């Protein structure tokens, strides 16, 4: 792995840690992290009450860059992975949704709720 790729990976992991703590402060319990499926990857899975959120986390160096960090293609991959993992994390028919958390230095994370219907 190149030095640039390694640095990007470390920033992404740090962003996921920030997002997980942010969700915990909002009353969510983190029940899964960095889950890979044949159809895509889920950064975080969170549960609060009867709701399970599959969360895509995006970290960028500035908050302005976050405006273009997520697109339909990425959300489709997250939705495909969520459909594979839903039976595992929502076996009793809990409400399932896909959220996005946008993270950048020196700003509060932005939580976009229910951005895609799986």
PDB file of N, CA and C in Angstrom:
ATOM      1  N   UNK A   1       0.858  -1.180   0.000  1.00  0.00           N
ATOM      2  CA  UNK A   1       0.000   0.000   0.000  1.00  0.00           C
ATOM      3  C   UNK A   1       0.902   1.240   0.000  1.00  0.00           C
ATOM      4  N   UNK A   2       0.576   2.192  -0.855  1.00  0.00           N
ATOM      5  CA  UNK A   2       1.388   3.403  -0.923  1.00  0.00           C
ATOM      6  C   UNK A   2       1.195   4.249   0.327  1.00  0.00           C
ATOM      7  N   UNK A   3       2.106   5.148   0.544  1.00  0.00           N
ATOM      8  CA  UNK A   3       2.033   6.026   1.713  1.00  0.00           C
ATOM      9  C   UNK A   3       0.766   6.883   1.681  1.00  0.00           C
ATOM     10  N   UNK A   4       0.412   7.401   0.484  1.00  0.00           N
ATOM     11  CA  UNK A   4      -0.803   8.217   0.364  1.00  0.00           C
ATOM     12  C   UNK A   4      -2.050   7.396   0.669  1.00  0.00           C
ATOM     13  N   UNK A   5      -2.087   6.162   0.159  1.00  0.00           N
ATOM     14  CA  UNK A   5      -3.251   5.292   0.400  1.00  0.00           C
ATOM     15  C   UNK A   5      -3.350   4.927   1.878  1.00  0.00           C
ATOM     16  N   UNK A   6      -2.211   4.672   2.506  1.00  0.00           N
ATOM     17  CA  UNK A   6      -2.188   4.349   3.934  1.00  0.00           C
ATOM     18  C   UNK A   6      -2.695   5.536   4.758  1.00  0.00           C
ATOM     19  N   UNK A   7      -2.266   6.745   4.398  1.00  0.00           N
ATOM     20  CA  UNK A   7      -2.728   7.946   5.103  1.00  0.00           C
ATOM     21  C   UNK A   7      -4.230   8.130   4.919  1.00  0.00           C
ATOM     22  N   UNK A   8      -4.731   7.894   3.712  1.00  0.00           N
ATOM     23  CA  UNK A   8      -6.169   8.019   3.454  1.00  0.00           C
ATOM     24  C   UNK A   8      -6.944   6.992   4.264  1.00  0.00           C
ATOM     25  N   UNK A   9      -6.422   5.778   4.347  1.00  0.00           N
ATOM     26  CA  UNK A   9      -7.060   4.724   5.140  1.00  0.00           C
ATOM     27  C   UNK A   9      -7.124   5.121   6.618  1.00  0.00           C
ATOM     28  N   UNK A  10      -6.049   5.677   7.132  1.00  0.00           N
ATOM     29  CA  UNK A  10      -6.026   6.108   8.537  1.00  0.00           C
ATOM     30  C   UNK A  10      -7.016   7.241   8.782  1.00  0.00           C
ATOM     31  N   UNK A  11      -7.112   8.184   7.859  1.00  0.00           N
ATOM     32  CA  UNK A  11      -8.085   9.269   8.006  1.00  0.00           C
ATOM     33  C   UNK A  11      -9.509   8.709   7.981  1.00  0.00           C
ATOM     34  N   UNK A  12      -9.763   7.770   7.090  1.00  0.00           N
ATOM     35  CA  UNK A  12     -11.086   7.158   7.018  1.00  0.00           C
ATOM     36  C   UNK A  12     -11.452   6.442   8.304  1.00  0.00           C
ATOM     37  N   UNK A  13     -10.513   5.707   8.866  1.00  0.00           N
ATOM     38  CA  UNK A  13     -10.769   5.012  10.137  1.00  0.00           C
ATOM     39  C   UNK A  13     -11.026   6.010  11.263  1.00  0.00           C
ATOM     40  N   UNK A  14     -10.274   7.093  11.261  1.00  0.00           N
ATOM     41  CA  UNK A  14     -10.490   8.131  12.278  1.00  0.00           C
ATOM     42  C   UNK A  14     -11.876   8.747  12.112  1.00  0.00           C
ATOM     43  N   UNK A  15     -12.278   8.993  10.882  1.00  0.00           N
ATOM     44  CA  UNK A  15     -13.617   9.519  10.619  1.00  0.00           C
ATOM     45  C   UNK A  15     -14.696   8.577  11.124  1.00  0.00           C
ATOM     46  N   UNK A  16     -14.495   7.276  10.937  1.00  0.00           N
ATOM     47  CA  UNK A  16     -15.455   6.288  11.426  1.00  0.00           C
ATOM     48  C   UNK A  16     -15.520   6.294  12.950  1.00  0.00           C
ATOM     49  N   UNK A  17     -14.380   6.474  13.608  1.00  0.00           N
ATOM     50  CA  UNK A  17     -14.380   6.566  15.075  1.00  0.00           C
ATOM     51  C   UNK A  17     -15.157   7.792  15.545  1.00  0.00           C
ATOM     52  N   UNK A  18     -14.924   8.920  14.892  1.00  0.00           N
ATOM     53  CA  UNK A  18     -15.646  10.154  15.247  1.00  0.00           C
ATOM     54  C   UNK A  18     -17.146   9.956  15.029  1.00  0.00           C
ATOM     55  N   UNK A  19     -17.506   9.364  13.903  1.00  0.00           N
ATOM     56  CA  UNK A  19     -18.922   9.134  13.602  1.00  0.00           C
ATOM     57  C   UNK A  19     -19.560   8.204  14.625  1.00  0.00           C
ATOM     58  N   UNK A  20     -18.835   7.159  15.031  1.00  0.00           N
ATOM     59  CA  UNK A  20     -19.372   6.220  16.027  1.00  0.00           C
ATOM     60  C   UNK A  20     -19.627   6.930  17.350  1.00  0.00           C
ATOM     61  N   UNK A  21     -18.696   7.741  17.784  1.00  0.00           N
ATOM     62  CA  UNK A  21     -18.916   8.474  19.046  1.00  0.00           C
ATOM     63  C   UNK A  21     -20.055   9.471  18.904  1.00  0.00           C
ATOM     64  N   UNK A  22     -20.145  10.123  17.775  1.00  0.00           N
ATOM     65  CA  UNK A  22     -21.235  11.059  17.522  1.00  0.00           C
ATOM     66  C   UNK A  22     -22.581  10.352  17.649  1.00  0.00           C
ATOM     67  N   UNK A  23     -22.692   9.186  17.029  1.00  0.00           N
ATOM     68  CA  UNK A  23     -23.939   8.420  17.128  1.00  0.00           C
ATOM     69  C   UNK A  23     -24.215   7.989  18.566  1.00  0.00           C
ATOM     70  N   UNK A  24     -23.197   7.547  19.273  1.00  0.00           N
ATOM     71  CA  UNK A  24     -23.386   7.149  20.678  1.00  0.00           C
ATOM     72  C   UNK A  24     -23.925   8.307  21.509  1.00  0.00           C
ATOM     73  N   UNK A  25     -23.402   9.495  21.268  1.00  0.00           N
ATOM     74  CA  UNK A  25     -23.882  10.673  22.004  1.00  0.00           C
ATOM     75  C   UNK A  25     -25.341  10.976  21.681  1.00  0.00           C
ATOM     76  N   UNK A  26     -25.815  10.529  20.517  1.00  0.00           N
ATOM     77  CA  UNK A  26     -27.214  10.727  20.126  1.00  0.00           C
ATOM     78  C   UNK A  26     -28.096   9.547  20.546  1.00  0.00           C
ATOM     79  N   UNK A  27     -27.543   8.621  21.331  1.00  0.00           N
ATOM     80  CA  UNK A  27     -28.340   7.519  21.860  1.00  0.00           C
ATOM     81  C   UNK A  27     -28.321   6.237  21.047  1.00  0.00           C
ATOM     82  N   UNK A  28     -27.454   6.152  20.061  1.00  0.00           N
ATOM     83  CA  UNK A  28     -27.352   4.951  19.239  1.00  0.00           C
ATOM     84  C   UNK A  28     -26.326   3.991  19.846  1.00  0.00           C
ATOM     85  N   UNK A  29     -26.520   2.711  19.600  1.00  0.00           N
ATOM     86  CA  UNK A  29     -25.558   1.681  19.994  1.00  0.00           C
ATOM     87  C   UNK A  29     -24.921   1.151  18.705  1.00  0.00           C
ATOM     88  N   UNK A  30     -23.612   1.120  18.655  1.00  0.00           N
ATOM     89  CA  UNK A  30     -22.904   0.616  17.475  1.00  0.00           C
ATOM     90  C   UNK A  30     -22.867  -0.910  17.576  1.00  0.00           C
ATOM     91  N   UNK A  31     -23.443  -1.572  16.571  1.00  0.00           N
ATOM     92  CA  UNK A  31     -23.526  -3.034  16.603  1.00  0.00           C
ATOM     93  C   UNK A  31     -22.683  -3.686  15.500  1.00  0.00           C
ATOM     94  N   UNK A  32     -22.090  -2.883  14.637  1.00  0.00           N
ATOM     95  CA  UNK A  32     -21.227  -3.418  13.598  1.00  0.00           C
ATOM     96  C   UNK A  32     -20.331  -2.340  13.023  1.00  0.00           C
ATOM     97  N   UNK A  33     -19.116  -2.751  12.636  1.00  0.00           N
ATOM     98  CA  UNK A  33     -18.156  -1.819  12.045  1.00  0.00           C
ATOM     99  C   UNK A  33     -17.455  -2.490  10.878  1.00  0.00           C
ATOM    100  N   UNK A  34     -17.256  -1.725   9.801  1.00  0.00           N
ATOM    101  CA  UNK A  34     -16.454  -2.160   8.656  1.00  0.00           C
ATOM    102  C   UNK A  34     -16.830  -3.554   8.178  1.00  0.00           C
ATOM    103  N   UNK A  35     -18.072  -3.704   7.809  1.00  0.00           N
ATOM    104  CA  UNK A  35     -18.582  -4.998   7.375  1.00  0.00           C
ATOM    105  C   UNK A  35     -18.535  -5.102   5.858  1.00  0.00           C
ATOM    106  N   UNK A  36     -17.877  -6.141   5.372  1.00  0.00           N
ATOM    107  CA  UNK A  36     -17.748  -6.346   3.926  1.00  0.00           C
ATOM    108  C   UNK A  36     -18.686  -7.448   3.485  1.00  0.00           C
ATOM    109  N   UNK A  37     -19.332  -7.210   2.361  1.00  0.00           N
ATOM    110  CA  UNK A  37     -20.182  -8.214   1.738  1.00  0.00           C
ATOM    111  C   UNK A  37     -19.759  -8.306   0.271  1.00  0.00           C
ATOM    112  N   UNK A  38     -20.214  -9.315  -0.438  1.00  0.00           N
ATOM    113  CA  UNK A  38     -19.902  -9.375  -1.874  1.00  0.00           C
ATOM    114  C   UNK A  38     -20.480  -8.187  -2.658  1.00  0.00           C
ATOM    115  N   UNK A  39     -21.454  -7.501  -2.083  1.00  0.00           N
ATOM    116  CA  UNK A  39     -22.121  -6.404  -2.792  1.00  0.00           C
ATOM    117  C   UNK A  39     -21.653  -5.017  -2.365  1.00  0.00           C
ATOM    118  N   UNK A  40     -20.795  -4.933  -1.351  1.00  0.00           N
ATOM    119  CA  UNK A  40     -20.321  -3.638  -0.883  1.00  0.00           C
ATOM    120  C   UNK A  40     -19.939  -3.690   0.577  1.00  0.00           C
ATOM    121  N   UNK A  41     -19.580  -2.539   1.105  1.00  0.00           N
ATOM    122  CA  UNK A  41     -19.122  -2.435   2.490  1.00  0.00           C
ATOM    123  C   UNK A  41     -19.986  -1.446   3.258  1.00  0.00           C
ATOM    124  N   UNK A  42     -20.184  -1.758   4.528  1.00  0.00           N
ATOM    125  CA  UNK A  42     -20.895  -0.858   5.442  1.00  0.00           C
ATOM    126  C   UNK A  42     -19.891  -0.376   6.478  1.00  0.00           C
ATOM    127  N   UNK A  43     -19.803   0.938   6.667  1.00  0.00           N
ATOM    128  CA  UNK A  43     -18.856   1.476   7.643  1.00  0.00           C
ATOM    129  C   UNK A  43     -19.314   1.205   9.077  1.00  0.00           C
ATOM    130  N   UNK A  44     -20.574   1.533   9.378  1.00  0.00           N
ATOM    131  CA  UNK A  44     -21.116   1.340  10.724  1.00  0.00           C
ATOM    132  C   UNK A  44     -22.548   0.829  10.634  1.00  0.00           C
ATOM    133  N   UNK A  45     -22.915   0.016  11.620  1.00  0.00           N
ATOM    134  CA  UNK A  45     -24.313  -0.363  11.809  1.00  0.00           C
ATOM    135  C   UNK A  45     -24.677   0.084  13.212  1.00  0.00           C
ATOM    136  N   UNK A  46     -25.755   0.844  13.322  1.00  0.00           N
ATOM    137  CA  UNK A  46     -26.170   1.388  14.612  1.00  0.00           C
ATOM    138  C   UNK A  46     -27.624   1.032  14.881  1.00  0.00           C
ATOM    139  N   UNK A  47     -27.940   0.880  16.153  1.00  0.00           N
ATOM    140  CA  UNK A  47     -29.305   0.529  16.565  1.00  0.00           C
ATOM    141  C   UNK A  47     -29.749   1.500  17.659  1.00  0.00           C
ATOM    142  N   UNK A  48     -30.991   1.938  17.516  1.00  0.00           N
ATOM    143  CA  UNK A  48     -31.634   2.738  18.567  1.00  0.00           C
ATOM    144  C   UNK A  48     -33.099   2.353  18.553  1.00  0.00           C
ATOM    145  N   UNK A  49     -33.545   1.762  19.656  1.00  0.00           N
ATOM    146  CA  UNK A  49     -34.925   1.299  19.720  1.00  0.00           C
ATOM    147  C   UNK A  49     -35.180   0.277  18.626  1.00  0.00           C
ATOM    148  N   UNK A  50     -36.246   0.478  17.873  1.00  0.00           N
ATOM    149  CA  UNK A  50     -36.609  -0.435  16.802  1.00  0.00           C
ATOM    150  C   UNK A  50     -36.076  -0.037  15.444  1.00  0.00           C
ATOM    151  N   UNK A  51     -35.015   0.763  15.411  1.00  0.00           N
ATOM    152  CA  UNK A  51     -34.445   1.223  14.149  1.00  0.00           C
ATOM    153  C   UNK A  51     -32.997   0.770  14.028  1.00  0.00           C
ATOM    154  N   UNK A  52     -32.658   0.269  12.851  1.00  0.00           N
ATOM    155  CA  UNK A  52     -31.285  -0.106  12.528  1.00  0.00           C
ATOM    156  C   UNK A  52     -30.830   0.787  11.377  1.00  0.00           C
ATOM    157  N   UNK A  53     -29.711   1.458  11.580  1.00  0.00           N
ATOM    158  CA  UNK A  53     -29.163   2.344  10.548  1.00  0.00           C
ATOM    159  C   UNK A  53     -27.857   1.766  10.015  1.00  0.00           C
ATOM    160  N   UNK A  54     -27.794   1.624   8.701  1.00  0.00           N
ATOM    161  CA  UNK A  54     -26.553   1.278   8.025  1.00  0.00           C
ATOM    162  C   UNK A  54     -25.934   2.605   7.617  1.00  0.00           C
ATOM    163  N   UNK A  55     -24.733   2.866   8.105  1.00  0.00           N
ATOM    164  CA  UNK A  55     -24.166   4.217   8.021  1.00  0.00           C
ATOM    165  C   UNK A  55     -22.918   4.241   7.136  1.00  0.00           C
ATOM    166  N   UNK A  56     -22.946   5.115   6.160  1.00  0.00           N
ATOM    167  CA  UNK A  56     -21.787   5.414   5.339  1.00  0.00           C
ATOM    168  C   UNK A  56     -21.120   6.646   5.936  1.00  0.00           C
ATOM    169  N   UNK A  57     -19.818   6.566   6.172  1.00  0.00           N
ATOM    170  CA  UNK A  57     -19.068   7.677   6.753  1.00  0.00           C
ATOM    171  C   UNK A  57     -18.123   8.222   5.696  1.00  0.00           C
ATOM    172  N   UNK A  58     -18.129   9.533   5.544  1.00  0.00           N
ATOM    173  CA  UNK A  58     -17.212  10.184   4.617  1.00  0.00           C
ATOM    174  C   UNK A  58     -16.413  11.229   5.373  1.00  0.00           C
ATOM    175  N   UNK A  59     -15.096  11.160   5.251  1.00  0.00           N
ATOM    176  CA  UNK A  59     -14.194  12.124   5.849  1.00  0.00           C
ATOM    177  C   UNK A  59     -13.547  12.908   4.722  1.00  0.00           C
ATOM    178  N   UNK A  60     -13.483  14.214   4.891  1.00  0.00           N
ATOM    179  CA  UNK A  60     -12.791  15.072   3.938  1.00  0.00           C
ATOM    180  C   UNK A  60     -12.002  16.115   4.723  1.00  0.00           C
ATOM    181  N   UNK A  61     -10.988  16.672   4.078  1.00  0.00           N
ATOM    182  CA  UNK A  61     -10.105  17.634   4.732  1.00  0.00           C
ATOM    183  C   UNK A  61     -10.803  18.947   5.063  1.00  0.00           C
ATOM    184  N   UNK A  62     -11.865  19.271   4.319  1.00  0.00           N
ATOM    185  CA  UNK A  62     -12.606  20.501   4.608  1.00  0.00           C
ATOM    186  C   UNK A  62     -14.097  20.221   4.492  1.00  0.00           C
ATOM    187  N   UNK A  63     -14.888  21.010   5.208  1.00  0.00           N
ATOM    188  CA  UNK A  63     -16.339  20.805   5.154  1.00  0.00           C
ATOM    189  C   UNK A  63     -16.888  21.111   3.763  1.00  0.00           C
ATOM    190  N   UNK A  64     -16.244  22.000   3.011  1.00  0.00           N
ATOM    191  CA  UNK A  64     -16.692  22.303   1.646  1.00  0.00           C
ATOM    192  C   UNK A  64     -16.587  21.063   0.754  1.00  0.00           C
ATOM    193  N   UNK A  65     -15.558  20.244   0.958  1.00  0.00           N
ATOM    194  CA  UNK A  65     -15.381  19.024   0.163  1.00  0.00           C
ATOM    195  C   UNK A  65     -16.447  17.974   0.464  1.00  0.00           C
ATOM    196  N   UNK A  66     -17.082  18.070   1.609  1.00  0.00           N
ATOM    197  CA  UNK A  66     -18.095  17.092   1.986  1.00  0.00           C
ATOM    198  C   UNK A  66     -19.350  17.182   1.129  1.00  0.00           C
ATOM    199  N   UNK A  67     -19.589  18.349   0.547  1.00  0.00           N
ATOM    200  CA  UNK A  67     -20.794  18.532  -0.258  1.00  0.00           C
ATOM    201  C   UNK A  67     -20.844  17.590  -1.461  1.00  0.00           C
ATOM    202  N   UNK A  68     -19.694  17.125  -1.916  1.00  0.00           N
ATOM    203  CA  UNK A  68     -19.654  16.222  -3.065  1.00  0.00           C
ATOM    204  C   UNK A  68     -19.095  14.845  -2.707  1.00  0.00           C
ATOM    205  N   UNK A  69     -19.049  14.524  -1.417  1.00  0.00           N
ATOM    206  CA  UNK A  69     -18.437  13.267  -0.971  1.00  0.00           C
ATOM    207  C   UNK A  69     -19.311  12.046  -1.206  1.00  0.00           C
ATOM    208  N   UNK A  70     -20.598  12.237  -1.321  1.00  0.00           N
ATOM    209  CA  UNK A  70     -21.511  11.096  -1.470  1.00  0.00           C
ATOM    210  C   UNK A  70     -22.315  11.275  -2.751  1.00  0.00           C
ATOM    211  N   UNK A  71     -22.527  10.177  -3.451  1.00  0.00           N
ATOM    212  CA  UNK A  71     -23.290  10.243  -4.692  1.00  0.00           C
ATOM    213  C   UNK A  71     -24.179   9.010  -4.808  1.00  0.00           C
ATOM    214  N   UNK A  72     -24.982   8.979  -5.844  1.00  0.00           N
ATOM    215  CA  UNK A  72     -25.937   7.887  -6.040  1.00  0.00           C
ATOM    216  C   UNK A  72     -25.229   6.543  -6.176  1.00  0.00           C
ATOM    217  N   UNK A  73     -24.126   6.511  -6.880  1.00  0.00           N
ATOM    218  CA  UNK A  73     -23.386   5.260  -7.063  1.00  0.00           C
ATOM    219  C   UNK A  73     -22.959   4.672  -5.718  1.00  0.00           C
ATOM    220  N   UNK A  74     -22.387   5.496  -4.864  1.00  0.00           N
ATOM    221  CA  UNK A  74     -21.959   5.023  -3.539  1.00  0.00           C
ATOM    222  C   UNK A  74     -23.155   4.570  -2.696  1.00  0.00           C
ATOM    223  N   UNK A  75     -24.225   5.340  -2.760  1.00  0.00           N
ATOM    224  CA  UNK A  75     -25.413   4.964  -1.982  1.00  0.00           C
ATOM    225  C   UNK A  75     -26.011   3.647  -2.466  1.00  0.00           C
ATOM    226  N   UNK A  76     -25.958   3.391  -3.764  1.00  0.00           N
ATOM    227  CA  UNK A  76     -26.450   2.102  -4.276  1.00  0.00           C
ATOM    228  C   UNK A  76     -25.638   0.945  -3.712  1.00  0.00           C
ATOM    229  N   UNK A  77     -24.320   1.109  -3.640  1.00  0.00           N
ATOM    230  CA  UNK A  77     -23.469   0.056  -3.071  1.00  0.00           C
ATOM    231  C   UNK A  77     -23.772  -0.167  -1.599  1.00  0.00           C
ATOM    232  N   UNK A  78     -23.981   0.914  -0.866  1.00  0.00           N
ATOM    233  CA  UNK A  78     -24.334   0.789   0.554  1.00  0.00           C
ATOM    234  C   UNK A  78     -25.683   0.085   0.685  1.00  0.00           C
ATOM    235  N   UNK A  79     -26.645   0.466  -0.154  1.00  0.00           N
ATOM    236  CA  UNK A  79     -27.966  -0.161  -0.105  1.00  0.00           C
ATOM    237  C   UNK A  79     -27.878  -1.647  -0.424  1.00  0.00           C
ATOM    238  N   UNK A  80     -27.043  -2.009  -1.397  1.00  0.00           N
ATOM    239  CA  UNK A  80     -26.887  -3.422  -1.746  1.00  0.00           C
ATOM    240  C   UNK A  80     -26.280  -4.200  -0.581  1.00  0.00           C
ATOM    241  N   UNK A  81     -25.272  -3.631   0.055  1.00  0.00           N
ATOM    242  CA  UNK A  81     -24.659  -4.290   1.209  1.00  0.00           C
ATOM    243  C   UNK A  81     -25.651  -4.373   2.367  1.00  0.00           C
ATOM    244  N   UNK A  82     -26.438  -3.322   2.563  1.00  0.00           N
ATOM    245  CA  UNK A  82     -27.440  -3.317   3.640  1.00  0.00           C
ATOM    246  C   UNK A  82     -28.474  -4.410   3.411  1.00  0.00           C
ATOM    247  N   UNK A  83     -28.850  -4.643   2.162  1.00  0.00           N
ATOM    248  CA  UNK A  83     -29.842  -5.687   1.889  1.00  0.00           C
ATOM    249  C   UNK A  83     -29.290  -7.066   2.250  1.00  0.00           C
ATOM    250  N   UNK A  84     -28.002  -7.271   2.082  1.00  0.00           N
ATOM    251  CA  UNK A  84     -27.373  -8.535   2.468  1.00  0.00           C
ATOM    252  C   UNK A  84     -27.332  -8.675   3.993  1.00  0.00           C
ATOM    253  N   UNK A  85     -27.050  -7.575   4.676  1.00  0.00           N
ATOM    254  CA  UNK A  85     -26.848  -7.615   6.129  1.00  0.00           C
ATOM    255  C   UNK A  85     -28.124  -7.425   6.949  1.00  0.00           C
ATOM    256  N   UNK A  86     -29.197  -6.944   6.332  1.00  0.00           N
ATOM    257  CA  UNK A  86     -30.436  -6.687   7.076  1.00  0.00           C
ATOM    258  C   UNK A  86     -30.948  -7.891   7.854  1.00  0.00           C
ATOM    259  N   UNK A  87     -30.967  -9.092   7.283  1.00  0.00           N
ATOM    260  CA  UNK A  87     -31.464 -10.227   8.073  1.00  0.00           C
ATOM    261  C   UNK A  87     -30.650 -10.473   9.349  1.00  0.00           C
ATOM    262  N   UNK A  88     -29.375 -10.159   9.306  1.00  0.00           N
ATOM    263  CA  UNK A  88     -28.508 -10.341  10.477  1.00  0.00           C
ATOM    264  C   UNK A  88     -28.768  -9.290  11.554  1.00  0.00           C
ATOM    265  N   UNK A  89     -28.950  -8.037  11.149  1.00  0.00           N
ATOM    266  CA  UNK A  89     -29.060  -6.948  12.110  1.00  0.00           C
ATOM    267  C   UNK A  89     -30.497  -6.510  12.395  1.00  0.00           C
ATOM    268  N   UNK A  90     -31.431  -6.905  11.563  1.00  0.00           N
ATOM    269  CA  UNK A  90     -32.846  -6.557  11.764  1.00  0.00           C
ATOM    270  C   UNK A  90     -33.713  -7.802  11.554  1.00  0.00           C
ATOM    271  N   UNK A  91     -33.473  -8.855  12.338  1.00  0.00           N
ATOM    272  CA  UNK A  91     -34.164 -10.121  12.094  1.00  0.00           C
ATOM    273  C   UNK A  91     -35.640 -10.120  12.453  1.00  0.00           C
ATOM    274  N   UNK A  92     -36.063  -9.160  13.253  1.00  0.00           N
ATOM    275  CA  UNK A  92     -37.456  -9.116  13.707  1.00  0.00           C
ATOM    276  C   UNK A  92     -38.269  -8.027  12.994  1.00  0.00           C
ATOM    277  N   UNK A  93     -37.810  -7.636  11.830  1.00  0.00           N
ATOM    278  CA  UNK A  93     -38.563  -6.651  11.063  1.00  0.00           C
ATOM    279  C   UNK A  93     -38.407  -5.221  11.556  1.00  0.00           C
ATOM    280  N   UNK A  94     -37.298  -4.924  12.228  1.00  0.00           N
ATOM    281  CA  UNK A  94     -37.050  -3.554  12.672  1.00  0.00           C
ATOM    282  C   UNK A  94     -37.013  -2.614  11.458  1.00  0.00           C
ATOM    283  N   UNK A  95     -37.256  -1.340  11.720  1.00  0.00           N
ATOM    284  CA  UNK A  95     -37.121  -0.340  10.666  1.00  0.00           C
ATOM    285  C   UNK A  95     -35.650  -0.265  10.271  1.00  0.00           C
ATOM    286  N   UNK A  96     -35.393  -0.264   8.981  1.00  0.00           N
ATOM    287  CA  UNK A  96     -34.026  -0.205   8.460  1.00  0.00           C
ATOM    288  C   UNK A  96     -33.898   1.064   7.628  1.00  0.00           C
ATOM    289  N   UNK A  97     -32.777   1.742   7.793  1.00  0.00           N
ATOM    290  CA  UNK A  97     -32.539   2.936   6.993  1.00  0.00           C
ATOM    291  C   UNK A  97     -31.051   3.067   6.702  1.00  0.00           C
ATOM    292  N   UNK A  98     -30.746   3.923   5.743  1.00  0.00           N
ATOM    293  CA  UNK A  98     -29.365   4.221   5.399  1.00  0.00           C
ATOM    294  C   UNK A  98     -29.109   5.683   5.718  1.00  0.00           C
ATOM    295  N   UNK A  99     -28.100   5.903   6.542  1.00  0.00           N
ATOM    296  CA  UNK A  99     -27.690   7.247   6.941  1.00  0.00           C
ATOM    297  C   UNK A  99     -26.288   7.513   6.421  1.00  0.00           C
ATOM    298  N   UNK A 100     -25.932   8.777   6.369  1.00  0.00           N
ATOM    299  CA  UNK A 100     -24.581   9.204   6.015  1.00  0.00           C
ATOM    300  C   UNK A 100     -24.110  10.164   7.097  1.00  0.00           C
ATOM    301  N   UNK A 101     -22.868   9.998   7.516  1.00  0.00           N
ATOM    302  CA  UNK A 101     -22.267  10.967   8.433  1.00  0.00           C
ATOM    303  C   UNK A 101     -21.042  11.543   7.745  1.00  0.00           C
ATOM    304  N   UNK A 102     -21.032  12.867   7.642  1.00  0.00           N
ATOM    305  CA  UNK A 102     -19.950  13.600   6.995  1.00  0.00           C
ATOM    306  C   UNK A 102     -19.062  14.216   8.062  1.00  0.00           C
ATOM    307  N   UNK A 103     -17.757  13.934   7.970  1.00  0.00           N
ATOM    308  CA  UNK A 103     -16.815  14.348   9.013  1.00  0.00           C
ATOM    309  C   UNK A 103     -15.675  15.135   8.381  1.00  0.00           C
ATOM    310  N   UNK A 104     -15.325  16.250   9.004  1.00  0.00           N
ATOM    311  CA  UNK A 104     -14.130  17.005   8.617  1.00  0.00           C
ATOM    312  C   UNK A 104     -13.540  17.626   9.878  1.00  0.00           C
ATOM    313  N   UNK A 105     -12.266  17.977   9.835  1.00  0.00           N
ATOM    314  CA  UNK A 105     -11.619  18.538  11.030  1.00  0.00           C
ATOM    315  C   UNK A 105     -12.280  19.841  11.497  1.00  0.00           C
ATOM    316  N   UNK A 106     -12.292  20.006  12.792  1.00  0.00           N
ATOM    317  CA  UNK A 106     -12.739  21.247  13.449  1.00  0.00           C
ATOM    318  C   UNK A 106     -14.189  21.627  13.161  1.00  0.00           C
ATOM    319  N   UNK A 107     -15.024  20.655  12.793  1.00  0.00           N
ATOM    320  CA  UNK A 107     -16.457  20.908  12.625  1.00  0.00           C
ATOM    321  C   UNK A 107     -17.225  19.746  13.236  1.00  0.00           C
ATOM    322  N   UNK A 108     -18.450  20.006  13.628  1.00  0.00           N
ATOM    323  CA  UNK A 108     -19.293  18.920  14.099  1.00  0.00           C
ATOM    324  C   UNK A 108     -19.679  18.034  12.917  1.00  0.00           C
ATOM    325  N   UNK A 109     -19.779  16.736  13.131  1.00  0.00           N
ATOM    326  CA  UNK A 109     -20.223  15.864  12.051  1.00  0.00           C
ATOM    327  C   UNK A 109     -21.629  16.244  11.586  1.00  0.00           C
ATOM    328  N   UNK A 110     -21.895  16.027  10.307  1.00  0.00           N
ATOM    329  CA  UNK A 110     -23.232  16.222   9.742  1.00  0.00           C
ATOM    330  C   UNK A 110     -23.874  14.853   9.564  1.00  0.00           C
ATOM    331  N   UNK A 111     -25.055  14.676  10.131  1.00  0.00           N
ATOM    332  CA  UNK A 111     -25.766  13.399  10.073  1.00  0.00           C
ATOM    333  C   UNK A 111     -26.936  13.545   9.105  1.00  0.00           C
ATOM    334  N   UNK A 112     -26.839  12.871   7.973  1.00  0.00           N
ATOM    335  CA  UNK A 112     -27.910  12.853   6.985  1.00  0.00           C
ATOM    336  C   UNK A 112     -28.718  11.585   7.224  1.00  0.00           C
ATOM    337  N   UNK A 113     -29.981  11.759   7.533  1.00  0.00           N
ATOM    338  CA  UNK A 113     -30.829  10.665   7.984  1.00  0.00           C
ATOM    339  C   UNK A 113     -31.658  10.104   6.830  1.00  0.00           C
ATOM    340  N   UNK A 114     -31.702   8.773   6.754  1.00  0.00           N
ATOM    341  CA  UNK A 114     -32.583   8.063   5.817  1.00  0.00           C
ATOM    342  C   UNK A 114     -32.410   8.586   4.384  1.00  0.00           C
ATOM    343  N   UNK A 115     -31.175   8.527   3.887  1.00  0.00           N
ATOM    344  CA  UNK A 115     -30.870   9.110   2.575  1.00  0.00           C
ATOM    345  C   UNK A 115     -31.225   8.193   1.410  1.00  0.00           C
ATOM    346  N   UNK A 116     -31.554   6.931   1.696  1.00  0.00           N
ATOM    347  CA  UNK A 116     -31.834   5.969   0.631  1.00  0.00           C
ATOM    348  C   UNK A 116     -32.770   4.917   1.188  1.00  0.00           C
ATOM    349  N   UNK A 117     -33.726   4.499   0.414  1.00  0.00           N
ATOM    350  CA  UNK A 117     -34.626   3.435   0.831  1.00  0.00           C
ATOM    351  C   UNK A 117     -34.123   2.110   0.279  1.00  0.00           C
ATOM    352  N   UNK A 118     -33.654   1.184   1.145  1.00  0.00           N
ATOM    353  CA  UNK A 118     -33.148  -0.107   0.645  1.00  0.00           C
ATOM    354  C   UNK A 118     -34.261  -0.974   0.077  1.00  0.00           C
TER     355      UNK A 118
END
